[in-house]
Amino acid sequence: NRSTDALRQLPPATLGVITICVFLFIIQMTMTWDIQLFTMCPRLILFMNEYYRIFTSVFFHANLMHIGMNMLSTSTISTVLEKRIGTLRLIVSIWWSILLTSTIYIIIAYTAYIIFGYDTWMYQHSIGFSGIIFHLSVLESYLHPGQRSVFGFFSVPSFVYPWALLLILQLIMPNLSFLGHLSGILTGSLEYYGVWDRFLFLSDSFLIEIESLPMMRRLVSLDNFV
């Protein structure tokens, strides 16, 4: 079975993310949960203390097409990145990306509301793994310099590619979360330039130390562990 073989070839961090998202989507569809219970909504997080949304908004998806596109993108970008930077570093990077992308999202939304009276982002409901995908795409684009084609229309330098994708996707599909994608690009850029390294446990020495722990033995022993 080609699908099974393809899944087996995915490195563990990438496979883990896809497994979590697909599992939650199956449960969500089976239980017919209201998707707005899990979305990113700054107003509900700040004023109703629904902090769980920071995590659920990343791993839940709106429909089959939504999760299909996001998981396809994840399998491509995350696999390339994991093979380049390592499994454990990718896991830590995704973890902090969830927290920081959400934080930047909320800060921008609240700032726009306080300073400009623009409250759309405060009330907007966003969901899906795409903010994290944009974070990962920034890292991947910097690590693999060159020219990238934007849907076959034109080419841009690789470091510009996530920004071009942000604008083009927004023009084609205006209902996408512009702020969520922008937040992912910002966190990815900050990680690449080393802003997070000192206090987000991303140093090589720290990650090597973690890999050597007995509790990590099972993960490290996997054939496709990087």
Protein backbone atom coordinates (compact mmCIF):
# COMPACT_ATOMS: atom_id res chain seq x y z
CA ASN A 1 0.00 0.00 0.00
CA ARG A 2 1.57 3.25 -1.14
CA SER A 3 -0.12 5.36 1.53
CA THR A 4 1.15 3.09 4.31
CA ASP A 5 4.67 3.09 2.86
CA ALA A 6 4.62 6.89 2.59
CA LEU A 7 3.58 7.24 6.24
CA ARG A 8 6.31 4.85 7.37
CA GLN A 9 8.90 6.98 5.64
CA LEU A 10 7.89 10.12 7.50
CA PRO A 11 10.26 11.07 10.34
CA PRO A 12 8.71 10.76 13.84
CA ALA A 13 8.00 14.41 14.67
CA THR A 14 6.24 14.99 11.34
CA LEU A 15 4.30 11.74 11.64
CA GLY A 16 3.33 12.59 15.22
CA VAL A 17 1.84 15.95 14.25
CA ILE A 18 -0.15 14.44 11.39
CA THR A 19 -1.39 11.61 13.62
CA ILE A 20 -2.61 14.01 16.32
CA CYS A 21 -4.42 16.25 13.84
CA VAL A 22 -6.08 13.37 11.98
CA PHE A 23 -7.09 11.63 15.23
CA LEU A 24 -8.70 14.81 16.59
CA PHE A 25 -10.45 15.43 13.28
CA ILE A 26 -11.98 11.92 13.34
CA ILE A 27 -13.16 12.45 16.93
CA GLN A 28 -14.48 15.89 16.04
CA MET A 29 -16.49 14.54 13.11
CA THR A 30 -17.72 11.51 15.06
CA MET A 31 -18.88 13.55 18.04
CA THR A 32 -20.15 16.43 15.85
CA TRP A 33 -18.51 18.99 18.11
CA ASP A 34 -19.06 22.70 17.48
CA ILE A 35 -15.78 23.80 15.88
CA GLN A 36 -16.00 27.26 17.47
CA LEU A 37 -15.32 25.64 20.83
CA PHE A 38 -11.72 25.09 19.73
CA THR A 39 -10.84 28.14 17.64
CA MET A 40 -8.34 30.92 18.24
CA CYS A 41 -10.38 33.92 19.37
CA PRO A 42 -8.43 36.66 21.20
CA ARG A 43 -11.51 38.08 22.90
CA LEU A 44 -12.44 34.73 24.46
CA ILE A 45 -8.86 34.04 25.52
CA LEU A 46 -8.23 37.45 27.08
CA PHE A 47 -11.60 38.20 28.63
CA MET A 48 -13.11 34.74 29.19
CA ASN A 49 -9.83 33.05 30.20
CA GLU A 50 -10.27 30.25 27.63
CA TYR A 51 -6.54 29.64 27.37
CA TYR A 52 -6.98 26.10 26.07
CA ARG A 53 -7.79 27.64 22.67
CA ILE A 54 -4.09 28.42 22.20
CA PHE A 55 -3.52 24.67 21.74
CA THR A 56 -6.81 23.39 20.34
CA SER A 57 -6.90 26.02 17.60
CA VAL A 58 -3.68 24.56 16.18
CA PHE A 59 -4.62 20.88 16.04
CA PHE A 60 -8.32 21.07 15.06
CA HIS A 61 -9.50 21.76 11.50
CA ALA A 62 -12.70 23.03 9.94
CA ASN A 63 -13.36 20.37 7.30
CA LEU A 64 -11.84 17.57 5.24
CA MET A 65 -10.32 19.86 2.62
CA HIS A 66 -8.82 22.04 5.32
CA ILE A 67 -7.05 19.21 7.14
CA GLY A 68 -6.10 17.53 3.86
CA MET A 69 -4.31 20.62 2.52
CA ASN A 70 -2.63 21.35 5.85
CA MET A 71 -1.41 17.81 6.41
CA LEU A 72 -0.11 17.56 2.85
CA SER A 73 1.84 20.78 3.38
CA THR A 74 3.05 19.54 6.77
CA SER A 75 4.27 16.23 5.37
CA THR A 76 6.28 18.06 2.70
CA ILE A 77 7.74 21.02 4.61
CA SER A 78 8.13 19.37 8.01
CA THR A 79 9.83 16.27 6.58
CA VAL A 80 12.45 18.31 4.75
CA LEU A 81 13.03 20.47 7.81
CA GLU A 82 13.18 17.56 10.26
CA LYS A 83 15.81 15.80 8.16
CA ARG A 84 17.84 19.00 8.17
CA ILE A 85 17.59 20.19 11.79
CA GLY A 86 16.74 16.96 13.62
CA THR A 87 13.66 15.41 15.20
CA LEU A 88 14.01 16.81 18.70
CA ARG A 89 14.76 20.33 17.54
CA LEU A 90 11.68 20.25 15.33
CA ILE A 91 9.51 19.06 18.23
CA VAL A 92 10.77 21.88 20.46
CA SER A 93 10.40 24.36 17.61
CA ILE A 94 6.77 23.36 17.00
CA TRP A 95 5.99 23.52 20.72
CA TRP A 96 7.31 27.07 21.04
CA SER A 97 5.75 28.02 17.72
CA ILE A 98 2.32 27.13 19.09
CA LEU A 99 2.81 29.36 22.12
CA LEU A 100 4.55 32.25 20.39
CA THR A 101 2.46 32.34 17.23
CA SER A 102 -0.66 32.52 19.39
CA THR A 103 0.90 35.19 21.61
CA ILE A 104 1.86 37.38 18.66
CA TYR A 105 -1.60 36.85 17.16
CA ILE A 106 -3.27 38.03 20.37
CA ILE A 107 -0.89 40.99 20.85
CA ILE A 108 -1.47 42.27 17.31
CA ALA A 109 -5.24 41.82 17.59
CA TYR A 110 -5.40 43.58 20.96
CA THR A 111 -3.08 46.40 19.83
CA ALA A 112 -5.20 47.01 16.72
CA TYR A 113 -8.28 47.15 18.96
CA ILE A 114 -6.82 49.49 21.60
CA ILE A 115 -4.99 51.91 19.30
CA PHE A 116 -7.12 51.91 16.15
CA GLY A 117 -10.47 50.64 17.43
CA TYR A 118 -10.26 47.75 14.91
CA ASP A 119 -11.99 44.83 16.63
CA THR A 120 -12.39 42.32 13.77
CA TRP A 121 -9.33 40.31 14.80
CA MET A 122 -10.48 40.27 18.42
CA TYR A 123 -13.74 38.55 17.46
CA GLN A 124 -12.43 36.48 14.56
CA HIS A 125 -12.37 32.69 14.94
CA SER A 126 -9.32 31.00 13.38
CA ILE A 127 -8.35 27.34 13.37
CA GLY A 128 -5.82 24.95 11.86
CA PHE A 129 -2.12 24.11 11.70
CA SER A 130 -1.33 26.60 8.94
CA GLY A 131 0.21 29.22 11.24
CA ILE A 132 2.77 26.65 12.34
CA ILE A 133 3.27 25.59 8.72
CA PHE A 134 4.19 29.18 7.83
CA HIS A 135 6.63 29.20 10.75
CA LEU A 136 8.26 26.00 9.45
CA SER A 137 8.24 27.25 5.86
CA VAL A 138 10.30 30.29 6.92
CA LEU A 139 12.95 28.04 8.47
CA GLU A 140 12.93 25.70 5.46
CA SER A 141 13.21 28.57 2.96
CA TYR A 142 16.23 30.07 4.71
CA LEU A 143 17.96 26.69 4.94
CA HIS A 144 17.45 26.01 1.22
CA PRO A 145 18.30 29.24 -0.66
CA GLY A 146 17.46 29.72 -4.30
CA GLN A 147 14.46 30.66 -6.40
CA ARG A 148 10.94 29.45 -5.62
CA SER A 149 7.97 29.39 -7.98
CA VAL A 150 4.76 30.89 -6.60
CA PHE A 151 2.01 28.70 -8.11
CA GLY A 152 3.84 28.86 -11.44
CA PHE A 153 3.05 32.57 -11.87
CA PHE A 154 6.44 34.01 -10.98
CA SER A 155 9.58 33.20 -9.00
CA VAL A 156 10.99 34.86 -5.89
CA PRO A 157 14.06 34.31 -3.68
CA SER A 158 13.39 31.54 -1.17
CA PHE A 159 13.45 33.86 1.85
CA VAL A 160 10.69 35.95 0.24
CA TYR A 161 8.58 32.88 -0.60
CA PRO A 162 6.55 32.69 2.68
CA TRP A 163 5.65 36.38 2.36
CA ALA A 164 4.62 35.97 -1.29
CA LEU A 165 2.58 32.91 -0.35
CA LEU A 166 0.89 34.86 2.44
CA LEU A 167 -0.26 37.60 0.05
CA ILE A 168 -1.23 35.35 -2.87
CA LEU A 169 -3.23 32.95 -0.71
CA GLN A 170 -5.04 35.88 0.90
CA LEU A 171 -5.98 37.25 -2.51
CA ILE A 172 -7.19 33.87 -3.75
CA MET A 173 -8.94 32.86 -0.50
CA PRO A 174 -9.83 35.98 1.53
CA ASN A 175 -11.40 33.91 4.33
CA LEU A 176 -8.02 32.50 5.37
CA SER A 177 -6.54 33.73 8.63
CA PHE A 178 -4.14 36.44 7.47
CA LEU A 179 -3.15 37.25 11.04
CA GLY A 180 -2.51 33.59 11.90
CA HIS A 181 -0.26 33.14 8.88
CA LEU A 182 1.52 36.45 9.51
CA SER A 183 2.17 35.46 13.12
CA GLY A 184 3.71 32.19 11.93
CA ILE A 185 6.05 34.03 9.56
CA LEU A 186 7.12 36.41 12.32
CA THR A 187 7.88 33.63 14.83
CA GLY A 188 9.73 31.64 12.18
CA SER A 189 11.86 34.67 11.31
CA LEU A 190 12.65 35.33 14.96
CA GLU A 191 13.69 31.71 15.45
CA TYR A 192 15.90 31.67 12.38
CA TYR A 193 17.77 34.80 13.51
CA GLY A 194 18.37 33.23 16.93
CA VAL A 195 16.17 35.55 18.97
CA TRP A 196 14.58 32.63 20.84
CA ASP A 197 17.62 30.39 21.26
CA ARG A 198 18.89 31.56 24.62
CA PHE A 199 15.64 31.20 26.51
CA LEU A 200 13.65 28.66 24.49
CA PHE A 201 15.98 25.67 24.98
CA LEU A 202 16.98 25.45 21.32
CA SER A 203 20.77 25.28 21.74
CA ASP A 204 22.48 22.24 20.24
CA SER A 205 24.12 21.31 23.54
CA PHE A 206 20.78 21.27 25.35
CA LEU A 207 19.11 19.14 22.67
CA ILE A 208 22.02 16.65 22.66
CA GLU A 209 21.71 16.37 26.44
CA ILE A 210 17.97 15.69 26.15
CA GLU A 211 18.53 13.04 23.47
CA SER A 212 20.84 11.17 25.84
CA LEU A 213 18.23 10.84 28.61
CA PRO A 214 16.94 7.30 29.31
CA MET A 215 13.33 8.41 28.79
CA MET A 216 14.23 9.39 25.20
CA ARG A 217 15.78 6.03 24.33
CA ARG A 218 12.70 4.65 22.60
CA LEU A 219 12.28 7.71 20.40
CA VAL A 220 15.97 7.95 19.56
CA SER A 221 16.06 4.25 18.63
CA LEU A 222 13.51 4.67 15.82
CA ASP A 223 14.98 4.01 12.37
CA ASN A 224 13.82 7.36 10.96
CA PHE A 225 14.78 9.43 14.02
CA VAL A 226 17.01 12.30 12.94
